[in-house]
């Protein structure tokens, strides 16, 4: 997708449509609840250049936070969650009802603190 320019087009579309890098990064982070965070971050690296966002830029640091913690919103969003499903016989629906809302509170609470620290 990167070689054909698809990721760059997606980044341009997100920037033009959403127009807020914090919202874009938050959305990518929440997407990690469904898509594994490693290929998701790799895709983001193909979407946004180091010219646009240099090393250690807020964008990359916030992306690391959101993709690292966003996977907990759904039990299938992390390898540990999938392993816990098998070992502890946790069902997706049980996790969704009992844990997902707590994970989302933690996700948004941490994101809020991070954003306040970087004002």
PDB file of N, CA and C in Angstrom:
ATOM      1  N   UNK A   1       0.823  -1.197   0.000  1.00  0.00           N
ATOM      2  CA  UNK A   1       0.000   0.000   0.000  1.00  0.00           C
ATOM      3  C   UNK A   1       0.866   1.259   0.000  1.00  0.00           C
ATOM      4  N   UNK A   2       1.999   1.168   0.695  1.00  0.00           N
ATOM      5  CA  UNK A   2       2.879   2.328   0.734  1.00  0.00           C
ATOM      6  C   UNK A   2       3.524   2.555  -0.629  1.00  0.00           C
ATOM      7  N   UNK A   3       3.955   1.478  -1.280  1.00  0.00           N
ATOM      8  CA  UNK A   3       4.639   1.591  -2.567  1.00  0.00           C
ATOM      9  C   UNK A   3       3.732   2.197  -3.650  1.00  0.00           C
ATOM     10  N   UNK A   4       2.437   1.942  -3.563  1.00  0.00           N
ATOM     11  CA  UNK A   4       1.511   2.475  -4.563  1.00  0.00           C
ATOM     12  C   UNK A   4       0.956   3.849  -4.189  1.00  0.00           C
ATOM     13  N   UNK A   5       1.353   4.363  -3.036  1.00  0.00           N
ATOM     14  CA  UNK A   5       0.904   5.688  -2.627  1.00  0.00           C
ATOM     15  C   UNK A   5      -0.429   5.716  -1.900  1.00  0.00           C
ATOM     16  N   UNK A   6      -0.986   4.545  -1.619  1.00  0.00           N
ATOM     17  CA  UNK A   6      -2.295   4.478  -0.951  1.00  0.00           C
ATOM     18  C   UNK A   6      -2.246   5.087   0.455  1.00  0.00           C
ATOM     19  N   UNK A   7      -1.174   4.807   1.191  1.00  0.00           N
ATOM     20  CA  UNK A   7      -1.081   5.324   2.566  1.00  0.00           C
ATOM     21  C   UNK A   7      -0.950   6.847   2.580  1.00  0.00           C
ATOM     22  N   UNK A   8      -0.193   7.372   1.636  1.00  0.00           N
ATOM     23  CA  UNK A   8      -0.057   8.828   1.548  1.00  0.00           C
ATOM     24  C   UNK A   8      -1.398   9.468   1.215  1.00  0.00           C
ATOM     25  N   UNK A   9      -2.137   8.856   0.306  1.00  0.00           N
ATOM     26  CA  UNK A   9      -3.463   9.378  -0.036  1.00  0.00           C
ATOM     27  C   UNK A   9      -4.398   9.329   1.168  1.00  0.00           C
ATOM     28  N   UNK A  10      -4.321   8.243   1.936  1.00  0.00           N
ATOM     29  CA  UNK A  10      -5.150   8.134   3.143  1.00  0.00           C
ATOM     30  C   UNK A  10      -4.784   9.236   4.132  1.00  0.00           C
ATOM     31  N   UNK A  11      -3.500   9.474   4.315  1.00  0.00           N
ATOM     32  CA  UNK A  11      -3.059  10.542   5.223  1.00  0.00           C
ATOM     33  C   UNK A  11      -3.561  11.896   4.756  1.00  0.00           C
ATOM     34  N   UNK A  12      -3.475  12.153   3.459  1.00  0.00           N
ATOM     35  CA  UNK A  12      -3.957  13.422   2.924  1.00  0.00           C
ATOM     36  C   UNK A  12      -5.465  13.558   3.107  1.00  0.00           C
ATOM     37  N   UNK A  13      -6.176  12.468   2.891  1.00  0.00           N
ATOM     38  CA  UNK A  13      -7.634  12.494   3.081  1.00  0.00           C
ATOM     39  C   UNK A  13      -7.982  12.756   4.539  1.00  0.00           C
ATOM     40  N   UNK A  14      -7.293  12.070   5.473  1.00  0.00           N
ATOM     41  CA  UNK A  14      -7.554  12.285   6.899  1.00  0.00           C
ATOM     42  C   UNK A  14      -7.264  13.734   7.286  1.00  0.00           C
ATOM     43  N   UNK A  15      -6.153  14.258   6.815  1.00  0.00           N
ATOM     44  CA  UNK A  15      -5.784  15.632   7.141  1.00  0.00           C
ATOM     45  C   UNK A  15      -6.804  16.626   6.596  1.00  0.00           C
ATOM     46  N   UNK A  16      -7.274  16.383   5.384  1.00  0.00           N
ATOM     47  CA  UNK A  16      -8.251  17.288   4.765  1.00  0.00           C
ATOM     48  C   UNK A  16      -9.632  17.156   5.386  1.00  0.00           C
ATOM     49  N   UNK A  17      -9.991  15.937   5.786  1.00  0.00           N
ATOM     50  CA  UNK A  17     -11.342  15.686   6.306  1.00  0.00           C
ATOM     51  C   UNK A  17     -11.434  15.982   7.796  1.00  0.00           C
ATOM     52  N   UNK A  18     -10.532  15.426   8.573  1.00  0.00           N
ATOM     53  CA  UNK A  18     -10.585  15.568  10.031  1.00  0.00           C
ATOM     54  C   UNK A  18      -9.978  16.898  10.476  1.00  0.00           C
ATOM     55  N   UNK A  19      -8.877  17.277   9.860  1.00  0.00           N
ATOM     56  CA  UNK A  19      -8.213  18.563  10.100  1.00  0.00           C
ATOM     57  C   UNK A  19      -7.691  18.757  11.521  1.00  0.00           C
ATOM     58  N   UNK A  20      -7.505  17.700  12.252  1.00  0.00           N
ATOM     59  CA  UNK A  20      -7.016  17.804  13.624  1.00  0.00           C
ATOM     60  C   UNK A  20      -6.124  16.605  13.896  1.00  0.00           C
ATOM     61  N   UNK A  21      -4.821  16.848  14.051  1.00  0.00           N
ATOM     62  CA  UNK A  21      -3.892  15.725  14.216  1.00  0.00           C
ATOM     63  C   UNK A  21      -4.155  14.935  15.495  1.00  0.00           C
ATOM     64  N   UNK A  22      -4.625  15.578  16.543  1.00  0.00           N
ATOM     65  CA  UNK A  22      -4.945  14.863  17.780  1.00  0.00           C
ATOM     66  C   UNK A  22      -6.089  13.887  17.547  1.00  0.00           C
ATOM     67  N   UNK A  23      -7.111  14.314  16.832  1.00  0.00           N
ATOM     68  CA  UNK A  23      -8.244  13.437  16.527  1.00  0.00           C
ATOM     69  C   UNK A  23      -7.819  12.291  15.609  1.00  0.00           C
ATOM     70  N   UNK A  24      -6.951  12.584  14.648  1.00  0.00           N
ATOM     71  CA  UNK A  24      -6.464  11.544  13.742  1.00  0.00           C
ATOM     72  C   UNK A  24      -5.702  10.481  14.524  1.00  0.00           C
ATOM     73  N   UNK A  25      -4.789  10.921  15.374  1.00  0.00           N
ATOM     74  CA  UNK A  25      -3.984   9.975  16.154  1.00  0.00           C
ATOM     75  C   UNK A  25      -4.866   9.193  17.121  1.00  0.00           C
ATOM     76  N   UNK A  26      -5.837   9.841  17.731  1.00  0.00           N
ATOM     77  CA  UNK A  26      -6.757   9.144  18.632  1.00  0.00           C
ATOM     78  C   UNK A  26      -7.539   8.079  17.873  1.00  0.00           C
ATOM     79  N   UNK A  27      -8.001   8.410  16.689  1.00  0.00           N
ATOM     80  CA  UNK A  27      -8.727   7.441  15.859  1.00  0.00           C
ATOM     81  C   UNK A  27      -7.859   6.260  15.466  1.00  0.00           C
ATOM     82  N   UNK A  28      -6.611   6.535  15.092  1.00  0.00           N
ATOM     83  CA  UNK A  28      -5.686   5.448  14.758  1.00  0.00           C
ATOM     84  C   UNK A  28      -5.458   4.581  15.986  1.00  0.00           C
ATOM     85  N   UNK A  29      -5.335   5.212  17.136  1.00  0.00           N
ATOM     86  CA  UNK A  29      -5.140   4.449  18.377  1.00  0.00           C
ATOM     87  C   UNK A  29      -6.313   3.546  18.681  1.00  0.00           C
ATOM     88  N   UNK A  30      -7.524   4.051  18.505  1.00  0.00           N
ATOM     89  CA  UNK A  30      -8.706   3.219  18.746  1.00  0.00           C
ATOM     90  C   UNK A  30      -8.822   2.109  17.715  1.00  0.00           C
ATOM     91  N   UNK A  31      -8.323   2.360  16.521  1.00  0.00           N
ATOM     92  CA  UNK A  31      -8.312   1.321  15.497  1.00  0.00           C
ATOM     93  C   UNK A  31      -7.436   0.138  15.917  1.00  0.00           C
ATOM     94  N   UNK A  32      -6.478   0.392  16.803  1.00  0.00           N
ATOM     95  CA  UNK A  32      -5.613  -0.700  17.268  1.00  0.00           C
ATOM     96  C   UNK A  32      -6.369  -1.709  18.127  1.00  0.00           C
ATOM     97  N   UNK A  33      -7.616  -1.406  18.480  1.00  0.00           N
ATOM     98  CA  UNK A  33      -8.445  -2.386  19.178  1.00  0.00           C
ATOM     99  C   UNK A  33      -8.864  -3.504  18.229  1.00  0.00           C
ATOM    100  N   UNK A  34      -8.780  -3.238  16.926  1.00  0.00           N
ATOM    101  CA  UNK A  34      -9.170  -4.230  15.920  1.00  0.00           C
ATOM    102  C   UNK A  34      -7.966  -4.696  15.109  1.00  0.00           C
ATOM    103  N   UNK A  35      -7.080  -3.758  14.778  1.00  0.00           N
ATOM    104  CA  UNK A  35      -5.884  -4.063  13.988  1.00  0.00           C
ATOM    105  C   UNK A  35      -4.687  -4.026  14.925  1.00  0.00           C
ATOM    106  N   UNK A  36      -3.815  -5.004  14.838  1.00  0.00           N
ATOM    107  CA  UNK A  36      -2.636  -5.064  15.706  1.00  0.00           C
ATOM    108  C   UNK A  36      -1.839  -3.770  15.608  1.00  0.00           C
ATOM    109  N   UNK A  37      -1.322  -3.309  16.735  1.00  0.00           N
ATOM    110  CA  UNK A  37      -0.672  -2.000  16.771  1.00  0.00           C
ATOM    111  C   UNK A  37       0.645  -1.944  16.003  1.00  0.00           C
ATOM    112  N   UNK A  38       1.363  -3.042  15.870  1.00  0.00           N
ATOM    113  CA  UNK A  38       2.641  -3.003  15.160  1.00  0.00           C
ATOM    114  C   UNK A  38       2.449  -2.684  13.673  1.00  0.00           C
ATOM    115  N   UNK A  39       1.612  -3.424  12.938  1.00  0.00           N
ATOM    116  CA  UNK A  39       1.417  -3.044  11.544  1.00  0.00           C
ATOM    117  C   UNK A  39       0.682  -1.709  11.394  1.00  0.00           C
ATOM    118  N   UNK A  40      -0.109  -1.356  12.386  1.00  0.00           N
ATOM    119  CA  UNK A  40      -0.819  -0.077  12.332  1.00  0.00           C
ATOM    120  C   UNK A  40       0.165   1.086  12.412  1.00  0.00           C
ATOM    121  N   UNK A  41       1.132   0.994  13.317  1.00  0.00           N
ATOM    122  CA  UNK A  41       2.148   2.043  13.429  1.00  0.00           C
ATOM    123  C   UNK A  41       3.037   2.039  12.185  1.00  0.00           C
ATOM    124  N   UNK A  42       3.351   0.861  11.681  1.00  0.00           N
ATOM    125  CA  UNK A  42       4.143   0.787  10.453  1.00  0.00           C
ATOM    126  C   UNK A  42       3.406   1.471   9.300  1.00  0.00           C
ATOM    127  N   UNK A  43       2.101   1.268   9.240  1.00  0.00           N
ATOM    128  CA  UNK A  43       1.303   1.926   8.207  1.00  0.00           C
ATOM    129  C   UNK A  43       1.316   3.443   8.412  1.00  0.00           C
ATOM    130  N   UNK A  44       1.205   3.883   9.656  1.00  0.00           N
ATOM    131  CA  UNK A  44       1.234   5.324   9.940  1.00  0.00           C
ATOM    132  C   UNK A  44       2.575   5.923   9.552  1.00  0.00           C
ATOM    133  N   UNK A  45       3.646   5.155   9.731  1.00  0.00           N
ATOM    134  CA  UNK A  45       4.963   5.641   9.323  1.00  0.00           C
ATOM    135  C   UNK A  45       5.035   5.797   7.806  1.00  0.00           C
ATOM    136  N   UNK A  46       4.276   4.975   7.096  1.00  0.00           N
ATOM    137  CA  UNK A  46       4.204   5.119   5.657  1.00  0.00           C
ATOM    138  C   UNK A  46       3.273   6.243   5.225  1.00  0.00           C
ATOM    139  N   UNK A  47       2.347   6.600   6.095  1.00  0.00           N
ATOM    140  CA  UNK A  47       1.376   7.655   5.777  1.00  0.00           C
ATOM    141  C   UNK A  47       1.966   9.049   5.982  1.00  0.00           C
ATOM    142  N   UNK A  48       2.752   9.197   7.027  1.00  0.00           N
ATOM    143  CA  UNK A  48       3.275  10.509   7.398  1.00  0.00           C
ATOM    144  C   UNK A  48       4.797  10.462   7.378  1.00  0.00           C
ATOM    145  N   UNK A  49       5.414  11.451   6.756  1.00  0.00           N
ATOM    146  CA  UNK A  49       6.863  11.451   6.599  1.00  0.00           C
ATOM    147  C   UNK A  49       7.550  12.110   7.794  1.00  0.00           C
ATOM    148  N   UNK A  50       8.834  11.809   7.921  1.00  0.00           N
ATOM    149  CA  UNK A  50       9.634  12.453   8.956  1.00  0.00           C
ATOM    150  C   UNK A  50       9.896  13.924   8.621  1.00  0.00           C
ATOM    151  N   UNK A  51       9.664  14.295   7.382  1.00  0.00           N
ATOM    152  CA  UNK A  51       9.755  15.705   7.009  1.00  0.00           C
ATOM    153  C   UNK A  51       8.582  16.463   7.615  1.00  0.00           C
ATOM    154  N   UNK A  52       7.409  15.833   7.526  1.00  0.00           N
ATOM    155  CA  UNK A  52       6.201  16.460   8.076  1.00  0.00           C
ATOM    156  C   UNK A  52       6.225  16.441   9.601  1.00  0.00           C
ATOM    157  N   UNK A  53       6.568  15.287  10.155  1.00  0.00           N
ATOM    158  CA  UNK A  53       6.645  15.113  11.606  1.00  0.00           C
ATOM    159  C   UNK A  53       8.008  14.519  11.934  1.00  0.00           C
ATOM    160  N   UNK A  54       8.982  15.350  12.321  1.00  0.00           N
ATOM    161  CA  UNK A  54      10.329  14.839  12.603  1.00  0.00           C
ATOM    162  C   UNK A  54      10.348  13.875  13.799  1.00  0.00           C
ATOM    163  N   UNK A  55      11.434  13.169  13.945  1.00  0.00           N
ATOM    164  CA  UNK A  55      11.629  12.269  15.076  1.00  0.00           C
ATOM    165  C   UNK A  55      11.357  13.005  16.379  1.00  0.00           C
ATOM    166  N   UNK A  56      10.725  12.332  17.309  1.00  0.00           N
ATOM    167  CA  UNK A  56      10.358  12.875  18.631  1.00  0.00           C
ATOM    168  C   UNK A  56       9.303  13.966  18.578  1.00  0.00           C
ATOM    169  N   UNK A  57       8.635  14.116  17.465  1.00  0.00           N
ATOM    170  CA  UNK A  57       7.527  15.071  17.354  1.00  0.00           C
ATOM    171  C   UNK A  57       6.352  14.556  18.185  1.00  0.00           C
ATOM    172  N   UNK A  58       5.535  15.461  18.667  1.00  0.00           N
ATOM    173  CA  UNK A  58       4.342  15.110  19.434  1.00  0.00           C
ATOM    174  C   UNK A  58       3.513  14.038  18.730  1.00  0.00           C
ATOM    175  N   UNK A  59       3.376  14.149  17.410  1.00  0.00           N
ATOM    176  CA  UNK A  59       2.568  13.199  16.636  1.00  0.00           C
ATOM    177  C   UNK A  59       3.002  11.761  16.904  1.00  0.00           C
ATOM    178  N   UNK A  60       4.310  11.483  16.810  1.00  0.00           N
ATOM    179  CA  UNK A  60       4.811  10.112  16.970  1.00  0.00           C
ATOM    180  C   UNK A  60       4.689   9.643  18.408  1.00  0.00           C
ATOM    181  N   UNK A  61       4.944  10.528  19.355  1.00  0.00           N
ATOM    182  CA  UNK A  61       4.832  10.148  20.765  1.00  0.00           C
ATOM    183  C   UNK A  61       3.381   9.844  21.139  1.00  0.00           C
ATOM    184  N   UNK A  62       2.471  10.681  20.675  1.00  0.00           N
ATOM    185  CA  UNK A  62       1.058  10.459  20.975  1.00  0.00           C
ATOM    186  C   UNK A  62       0.552   9.213  20.249  1.00  0.00           C
ATOM    187  N   UNK A  63       1.050   8.975  19.034  1.00  0.00           N
ATOM    188  CA  UNK A  63       0.683   7.763  18.299  1.00  0.00           C
ATOM    189  C   UNK A  63       1.140   6.520  19.055  1.00  0.00           C
ATOM    190  N   UNK A  64       2.339   6.563  19.620  1.00  0.00           N
ATOM    191  CA  UNK A  64       2.839   5.426  20.401  1.00  0.00           C
ATOM    192  C   UNK A  64       1.928   5.158  21.600  1.00  0.00           C
ATOM    193  N   UNK A  65       1.511   6.234  22.277  1.00  0.00           N
ATOM    194  CA  UNK A  65       0.604   6.065  23.416  1.00  0.00           C
ATOM    195  C   UNK A  65      -0.738   5.465  22.967  1.00  0.00           C
ATOM    196  N   UNK A  66      -1.348   6.087  21.963  1.00  0.00           N
ATOM    197  CA  UNK A  66      -2.702   5.680  21.584  1.00  0.00           C
ATOM    198  C   UNK A  66      -2.746   4.260  21.023  1.00  0.00           C
ATOM    199  N   UNK A  67      -1.774   3.913  20.194  1.00  0.00           N
ATOM    200  CA  UNK A  67      -1.800   2.561  19.629  1.00  0.00           C
ATOM    201  C   UNK A  67      -1.403   1.515  20.675  1.00  0.00           C
ATOM    202  N   UNK A  68      -0.564   1.911  21.604  1.00  0.00           N
ATOM    203  CA  UNK A  68      -0.158   0.979  22.661  1.00  0.00           C
ATOM    204  C   UNK A  68      -1.264   0.674  23.650  1.00  0.00           C
ATOM    205  N   UNK A  69      -2.120   1.646  23.898  1.00  0.00           N
ATOM    206  CA  UNK A  69      -3.183   1.438  24.890  1.00  0.00           C
ATOM    207  C   UNK A  69      -4.554   1.211  24.261  1.00  0.00           C
ATOM    208  N   UNK A  70      -4.742   1.661  23.039  1.00  0.00           N
ATOM    209  CA  UNK A  70      -6.043   1.521  22.380  1.00  0.00           C
ATOM    210  C   UNK A  70      -6.457   0.082  22.144  1.00  0.00           C
ATOM    211  N   UNK A  71      -5.488  -0.802  22.032  1.00  0.00           N
ATOM    212  CA  UNK A  71      -5.791  -2.216  21.822  1.00  0.00           C
ATOM    213  C   UNK A  71      -6.560  -2.853  22.960  1.00  0.00           C
ATOM    214  N   UNK A  72      -6.510  -2.251  24.132  1.00  0.00           N
ATOM    215  CA  UNK A  72      -7.218  -2.809  25.287  1.00  0.00           C
ATOM    216  C   UNK A  72      -8.715  -2.535  25.260  1.00  0.00           C
ATOM    217  N   UNK A  73      -9.166  -1.678  24.364  1.00  0.00           N
ATOM    218  CA  UNK A  73     -10.593  -1.369  24.299  1.00  0.00           C
ATOM    219  C   UNK A  73     -11.408  -2.619  23.946  1.00  0.00           C
ATOM    220  N   UNK A  74     -10.825  -3.497  23.166  1.00  0.00           N
ATOM    221  CA  UNK A  74     -11.447  -4.790  22.846  1.00  0.00           C
ATOM    222  C   UNK A  74     -10.439  -5.880  23.167  1.00  0.00           C
ATOM    223  N   UNK A  75     -10.905  -6.992  23.660  1.00  0.00           N
ATOM    224  CA  UNK A  75      -9.994  -8.054  24.063  1.00  0.00           C
ATOM    225  C   UNK A  75      -9.202  -8.608  22.886  1.00  0.00           C
ATOM    226  N   UNK A  76      -9.744  -8.486  21.694  1.00  0.00           N
ATOM    227  CA  UNK A  76      -9.050  -8.992  20.511  1.00  0.00           C
ATOM    228  C   UNK A  76      -7.986  -8.029  20.012  1.00  0.00           C
ATOM    229  N   UNK A  77      -7.845  -6.873  20.659  1.00  0.00           N
ATOM    230  CA  UNK A  77      -6.904  -5.851  20.219  1.00  0.00           C
ATOM    231  C   UNK A  77      -5.476  -6.072  20.655  1.00  0.00           C
ATOM    232  N   UNK A  78      -5.227  -7.110  21.415  1.00  0.00           N
ATOM    233  CA  UNK A  78      -3.852  -7.383  21.839  1.00  0.00           C
ATOM    234  C   UNK A  78      -3.620  -8.885  21.904  1.00  0.00           C
ATOM    235  N   UNK A  79      -2.381  -9.264  21.706  1.00  0.00           N
ATOM    236  CA  UNK A  79      -2.027 -10.685  21.798  1.00  0.00           C
ATOM    237  C   UNK A  79      -2.292 -11.198  23.213  1.00  0.00           C
ATOM    238  N   UNK A  80      -2.029 -10.363  24.209  1.00  0.00           N
ATOM    239  CA  UNK A  80      -2.280 -10.764  25.594  1.00  0.00           C
ATOM    240  C   UNK A  80      -3.767 -10.995  25.833  1.00  0.00           C
ATOM    241  N   UNK A  81      -4.603 -10.160  25.230  1.00  0.00           N
ATOM    242  CA  UNK A  81      -6.050 -10.333  25.368  1.00  0.00           C
ATOM    243  C   UNK A  81      -6.536 -11.613  24.741  1.00  0.00           C
ATOM    244  N   UNK A  82      -6.025 -11.925  23.580  1.00  0.00           N
ATOM    245  CA  UNK A  82      -6.406 -13.162  22.898  1.00  0.00           C
ATOM    246  C   UNK A  82      -5.939 -14.365  23.714  1.00  0.00           C
ATOM    247  N   UNK A  83      -4.724 -14.283  24.272  1.00  0.00           N
ATOM    248  CA  UNK A  83      -4.226 -15.373  25.115  1.00  0.00           C
ATOM    249  C   UNK A  83      -5.090 -15.522  26.363  1.00  0.00           C
ATOM    250  N   UNK A  84      -5.491 -14.394  26.953  1.00  0.00           N
ATOM    251  CA  UNK A  84      -6.346 -14.446  28.148  1.00  0.00           C
ATOM    252  C   UNK A  84      -7.696 -15.073  27.824  1.00  0.00           C
ATOM    253  N   UNK A  85      -8.217 -14.808  26.640  1.00  0.00           N
ATOM    254  CA  UNK A  85      -9.490 -15.417  26.235  1.00  0.00           C
ATOM    255  C   UNK A  85      -9.383 -16.942  26.280  1.00  0.00           C
ATOM    256  N   UNK A  86      -8.277 -17.436  25.763  1.00  0.00           N
ATOM    257  CA  UNK A  86      -8.095 -18.887  25.735  1.00  0.00           C
ATOM    258  C   UNK A  86      -7.806 -19.481  27.100  1.00  0.00           C
ATOM    259  N   UNK A  87      -6.942 -18.843  27.863  1.00  0.00           N
ATOM    260  CA  UNK A  87      -6.520 -19.392  29.151  1.00  0.00           C
ATOM    261  C   UNK A  87      -7.595 -19.267  30.218  1.00  0.00           C
ATOM    262  N   UNK A  88      -8.276 -18.145  30.239  1.00  0.00           N
ATOM    263  CA  UNK A  88      -9.247 -17.874  31.299  1.00  0.00           C
ATOM    264  C   UNK A  88     -10.693 -18.059  30.849  1.00  0.00           C
ATOM    265  N   UNK A  89     -10.883 -18.485  29.619  1.00  0.00           N
ATOM    266  CA  UNK A  89     -12.224 -18.709  29.054  1.00  0.00           C
ATOM    267  C   UNK A  89     -13.073 -17.441  29.108  1.00  0.00           C
ATOM    268  N   UNK A  90     -12.443 -16.301  28.815  1.00  0.00           N
ATOM    269  CA  UNK A  90     -13.145 -15.023  28.766  1.00  0.00           C
ATOM    270  C   UNK A  90     -13.792 -14.900  27.395  1.00  0.00           C
ATOM    271  N   UNK A  91     -15.047 -14.527  27.362  1.00  0.00           N
ATOM    272  CA  UNK A  91     -15.710 -14.345  26.074  1.00  0.00           C
ATOM    273  C   UNK A  91     -15.599 -12.884  25.650  1.00  0.00           C
ATOM    274  N   UNK A  92     -15.695 -12.680  24.357  1.00  0.00           N
ATOM    275  CA  UNK A  92     -15.645 -11.329  23.804  1.00  0.00           C
ATOM    276  C   UNK A  92     -16.759 -10.464  24.382  1.00  0.00           C
ATOM    277  N   UNK A  93     -17.966 -11.005  24.465  1.00  0.00           N
ATOM    278  CA  UNK A  93     -19.121 -10.246  24.961  1.00  0.00           C
ATOM    279  C   UNK A  93     -18.936  -9.897  26.442  1.00  0.00           C
ATOM    280  N   UNK A  94     -18.426 -10.829  27.244  1.00  0.00           N
ATOM    281  CA  UNK A  94     -18.190 -10.542  28.663  1.00  0.00           C
ATOM    282  C   UNK A  94     -17.204  -9.386  28.794  1.00  0.00           C
ATOM    283  N   UNK A  95     -16.119  -9.441  28.039  1.00  0.00           N
ATOM    284  CA  UNK A  95     -15.113  -8.378  28.089  1.00  0.00           C
ATOM    285  C   UNK A  95     -15.714  -7.050  27.644  1.00  0.00           C
ATOM    286  N   UNK A  96     -16.498  -7.092  26.586  1.00  0.00           N
ATOM    287  CA  UNK A  96     -17.119  -5.888  26.067  1.00  0.00           C
ATOM    288  C   UNK A  96     -18.009  -5.233  27.121  1.00  0.00           C
ATOM    289  N   UNK A  97     -18.786  -6.046  27.844  1.00  0.00           N
ATOM    290  CA  UNK A  97     -19.705  -5.516  28.860  1.00  0.00           C
ATOM    291  C   UNK A  97     -18.994  -5.069  30.132  1.00  0.00           C
ATOM    292  N   UNK A  98     -17.987  -5.826  30.558  1.00  0.00           N
ATOM    293  CA  UNK A  98     -17.395  -5.599  31.881  1.00  0.00           C
ATOM    294  C   UNK A  98     -16.089  -4.792  31.877  1.00  0.00           C
ATOM    295  N   UNK A  99     -15.326  -4.857  30.809  1.00  0.00           N
ATOM    296  CA  UNK A  99     -13.983  -4.285  30.836  1.00  0.00           C
ATOM    297  C   UNK A  99     -13.773  -3.160  29.826  1.00  0.00           C
ATOM    298  N   UNK A 100     -14.372  -3.267  28.669  1.00  0.00           N
ATOM    299  CA  UNK A 100     -14.101  -2.286  27.609  1.00  0.00           C
ATOM    300  C   UNK A 100     -14.323  -0.848  28.057  1.00  0.00           C
ATOM    301  N   UNK A 101     -15.375  -0.593  28.784  1.00  0.00           N
ATOM    302  CA  UNK A 101     -15.642   0.779  29.218  1.00  0.00           C
ATOM    303  C   UNK A 101     -14.554   1.282  30.165  1.00  0.00           C
ATOM    304  N   UNK A 102     -14.019   0.384  30.997  1.00  0.00           N
ATOM    305  CA  UNK A 102     -12.912   0.774  31.886  1.00  0.00           C
ATOM    306  C   UNK A 102     -11.653   1.073  31.075  1.00  0.00           C
ATOM    307  N   UNK A 103     -11.398   0.236  30.070  1.00  0.00           N
ATOM    308  CA  UNK A 103     -10.234   0.450  29.209  1.00  0.00           C
ATOM    309  C   UNK A 103     -10.362   1.780  28.461  1.00  0.00           C
ATOM    310  N   UNK A 104     -11.562   2.100  28.011  1.00  0.00           N
ATOM    311  CA  UNK A 104     -11.772   3.369  27.307  1.00  0.00           C
ATOM    312  C   UNK A 104     -11.611   4.572  28.231  1.00  0.00           C
ATOM    313  N   UNK A 105     -12.059   4.446  29.464  1.00  0.00           N
ATOM    314  CA  UNK A 105     -11.846   5.529  30.441  1.00  0.00           C
ATOM    315  C   UNK A 105     -10.350   5.736  30.647  1.00  0.00           C
ATOM    316  N   UNK A 106      -9.613   4.647  30.809  1.00  0.00           N
ATOM    317  CA  UNK A 106      -8.161   4.744  30.955  1.00  0.00           C
ATOM    318  C   UNK A 106      -7.497   5.336  29.716  1.00  0.00           C
ATOM    319  N   UNK A 107      -7.949   4.896  28.557  1.00  0.00           N
ATOM    320  CA  UNK A 107      -7.397   5.387  27.286  1.00  0.00           C
ATOM    321  C   UNK A 107      -7.589   6.899  27.173  1.00  0.00           C
ATOM    322  N   UNK A 108      -8.830   7.359  27.325  1.00  0.00           N
ATOM    323  CA  UNK A 108      -9.114   8.787  27.177  1.00  0.00           C
ATOM    324  C   UNK A 108      -8.545   9.612  28.330  1.00  0.00           C
ATOM    325  N   UNK A 109      -8.536   9.032  29.539  1.00  0.00           N
ATOM    326  CA  UNK A 109      -7.932   9.736  30.673  1.00  0.00           C
ATOM    327  C   UNK A 109      -6.445   9.951  30.458  1.00  0.00           C
ATOM    328  N   UNK A 110      -5.746   8.904  30.041  1.00  0.00           N
ATOM    329  CA  UNK A 110      -4.315   9.017  29.755  1.00  0.00           C
ATOM    330  C   UNK A 110      -4.043   9.966  28.604  1.00  0.00           C
ATOM    331  N   UNK A 111      -4.875   9.900  27.567  1.00  0.00           N
ATOM    332  CA  UNK A 111      -4.710  10.800  26.422  1.00  0.00           C
ATOM    333  C   UNK A 111      -4.897  12.250  26.869  1.00  0.00           C
ATOM    334  N   UNK A 112      -5.901  12.477  27.713  1.00  0.00           N
ATOM    335  CA  UNK A 112      -6.135  13.827  28.219  1.00  0.00           C
ATOM    336  C   UNK A 112      -4.959  14.349  29.023  1.00  0.00           C
ATOM    337  N   UNK A 113      -4.413  13.514  29.885  1.00  0.00           N
ATOM    338  CA  UNK A 113      -3.252  13.924  30.683  1.00  0.00           C
ATOM    339  C   UNK A 113      -2.072  14.209  29.771  1.00  0.00           C
ATOM    340  N   UNK A 114      -1.861  13.333  28.785  1.00  0.00           N
ATOM    341  CA  UNK A 114      -0.749  13.546  27.855  1.00  0.00           C
ATOM    342  C   UNK A 114      -0.910  14.863  27.099  1.00  0.00           C
ATOM    343  N   UNK A 115      -2.118  15.127  26.641  1.00  0.00           N
ATOM    344  CA  UNK A 115      -2.370  16.375  25.918  1.00  0.00           C
ATOM    345  C   UNK A 115      -2.154  17.592  26.810  1.00  0.00           C
ATOM    346  N   UNK A 116      -2.621  17.523  28.060  1.00  0.00           N
ATOM    347  CA  UNK A 116      -2.411  18.636  28.989  1.00  0.00           C
ATOM    348  C   UNK A 116      -0.931  18.858  29.274  1.00  0.00           C
ATOM    349  N   UNK A 117      -0.174  17.783  29.361  1.00  0.00           N
ATOM    350  CA  UNK A 117       1.270  17.911  29.607  1.00  0.00           C
ATOM    351  C   UNK A 117       1.994  18.539  28.422  1.00  0.00           C
ATOM    352  N   UNK A 118       1.403  18.465  27.243  1.00  0.00           N
ATOM    353  CA  UNK A 118       2.069  18.964  26.050  1.00  0.00           C
ATOM    354  C   UNK A 118       1.453  20.240  25.495  1.00  0.00           C
ATOM    355  N   UNK A 119       0.666  20.936  26.300  1.00  0.00           N
ATOM    356  CA  UNK A 119       0.088  22.218  25.849  1.00  0.00           C
ATOM    357  C   UNK A 119       1.174  23.275  25.732  1.00  0.00           C
TER     358      UNK A 119
END
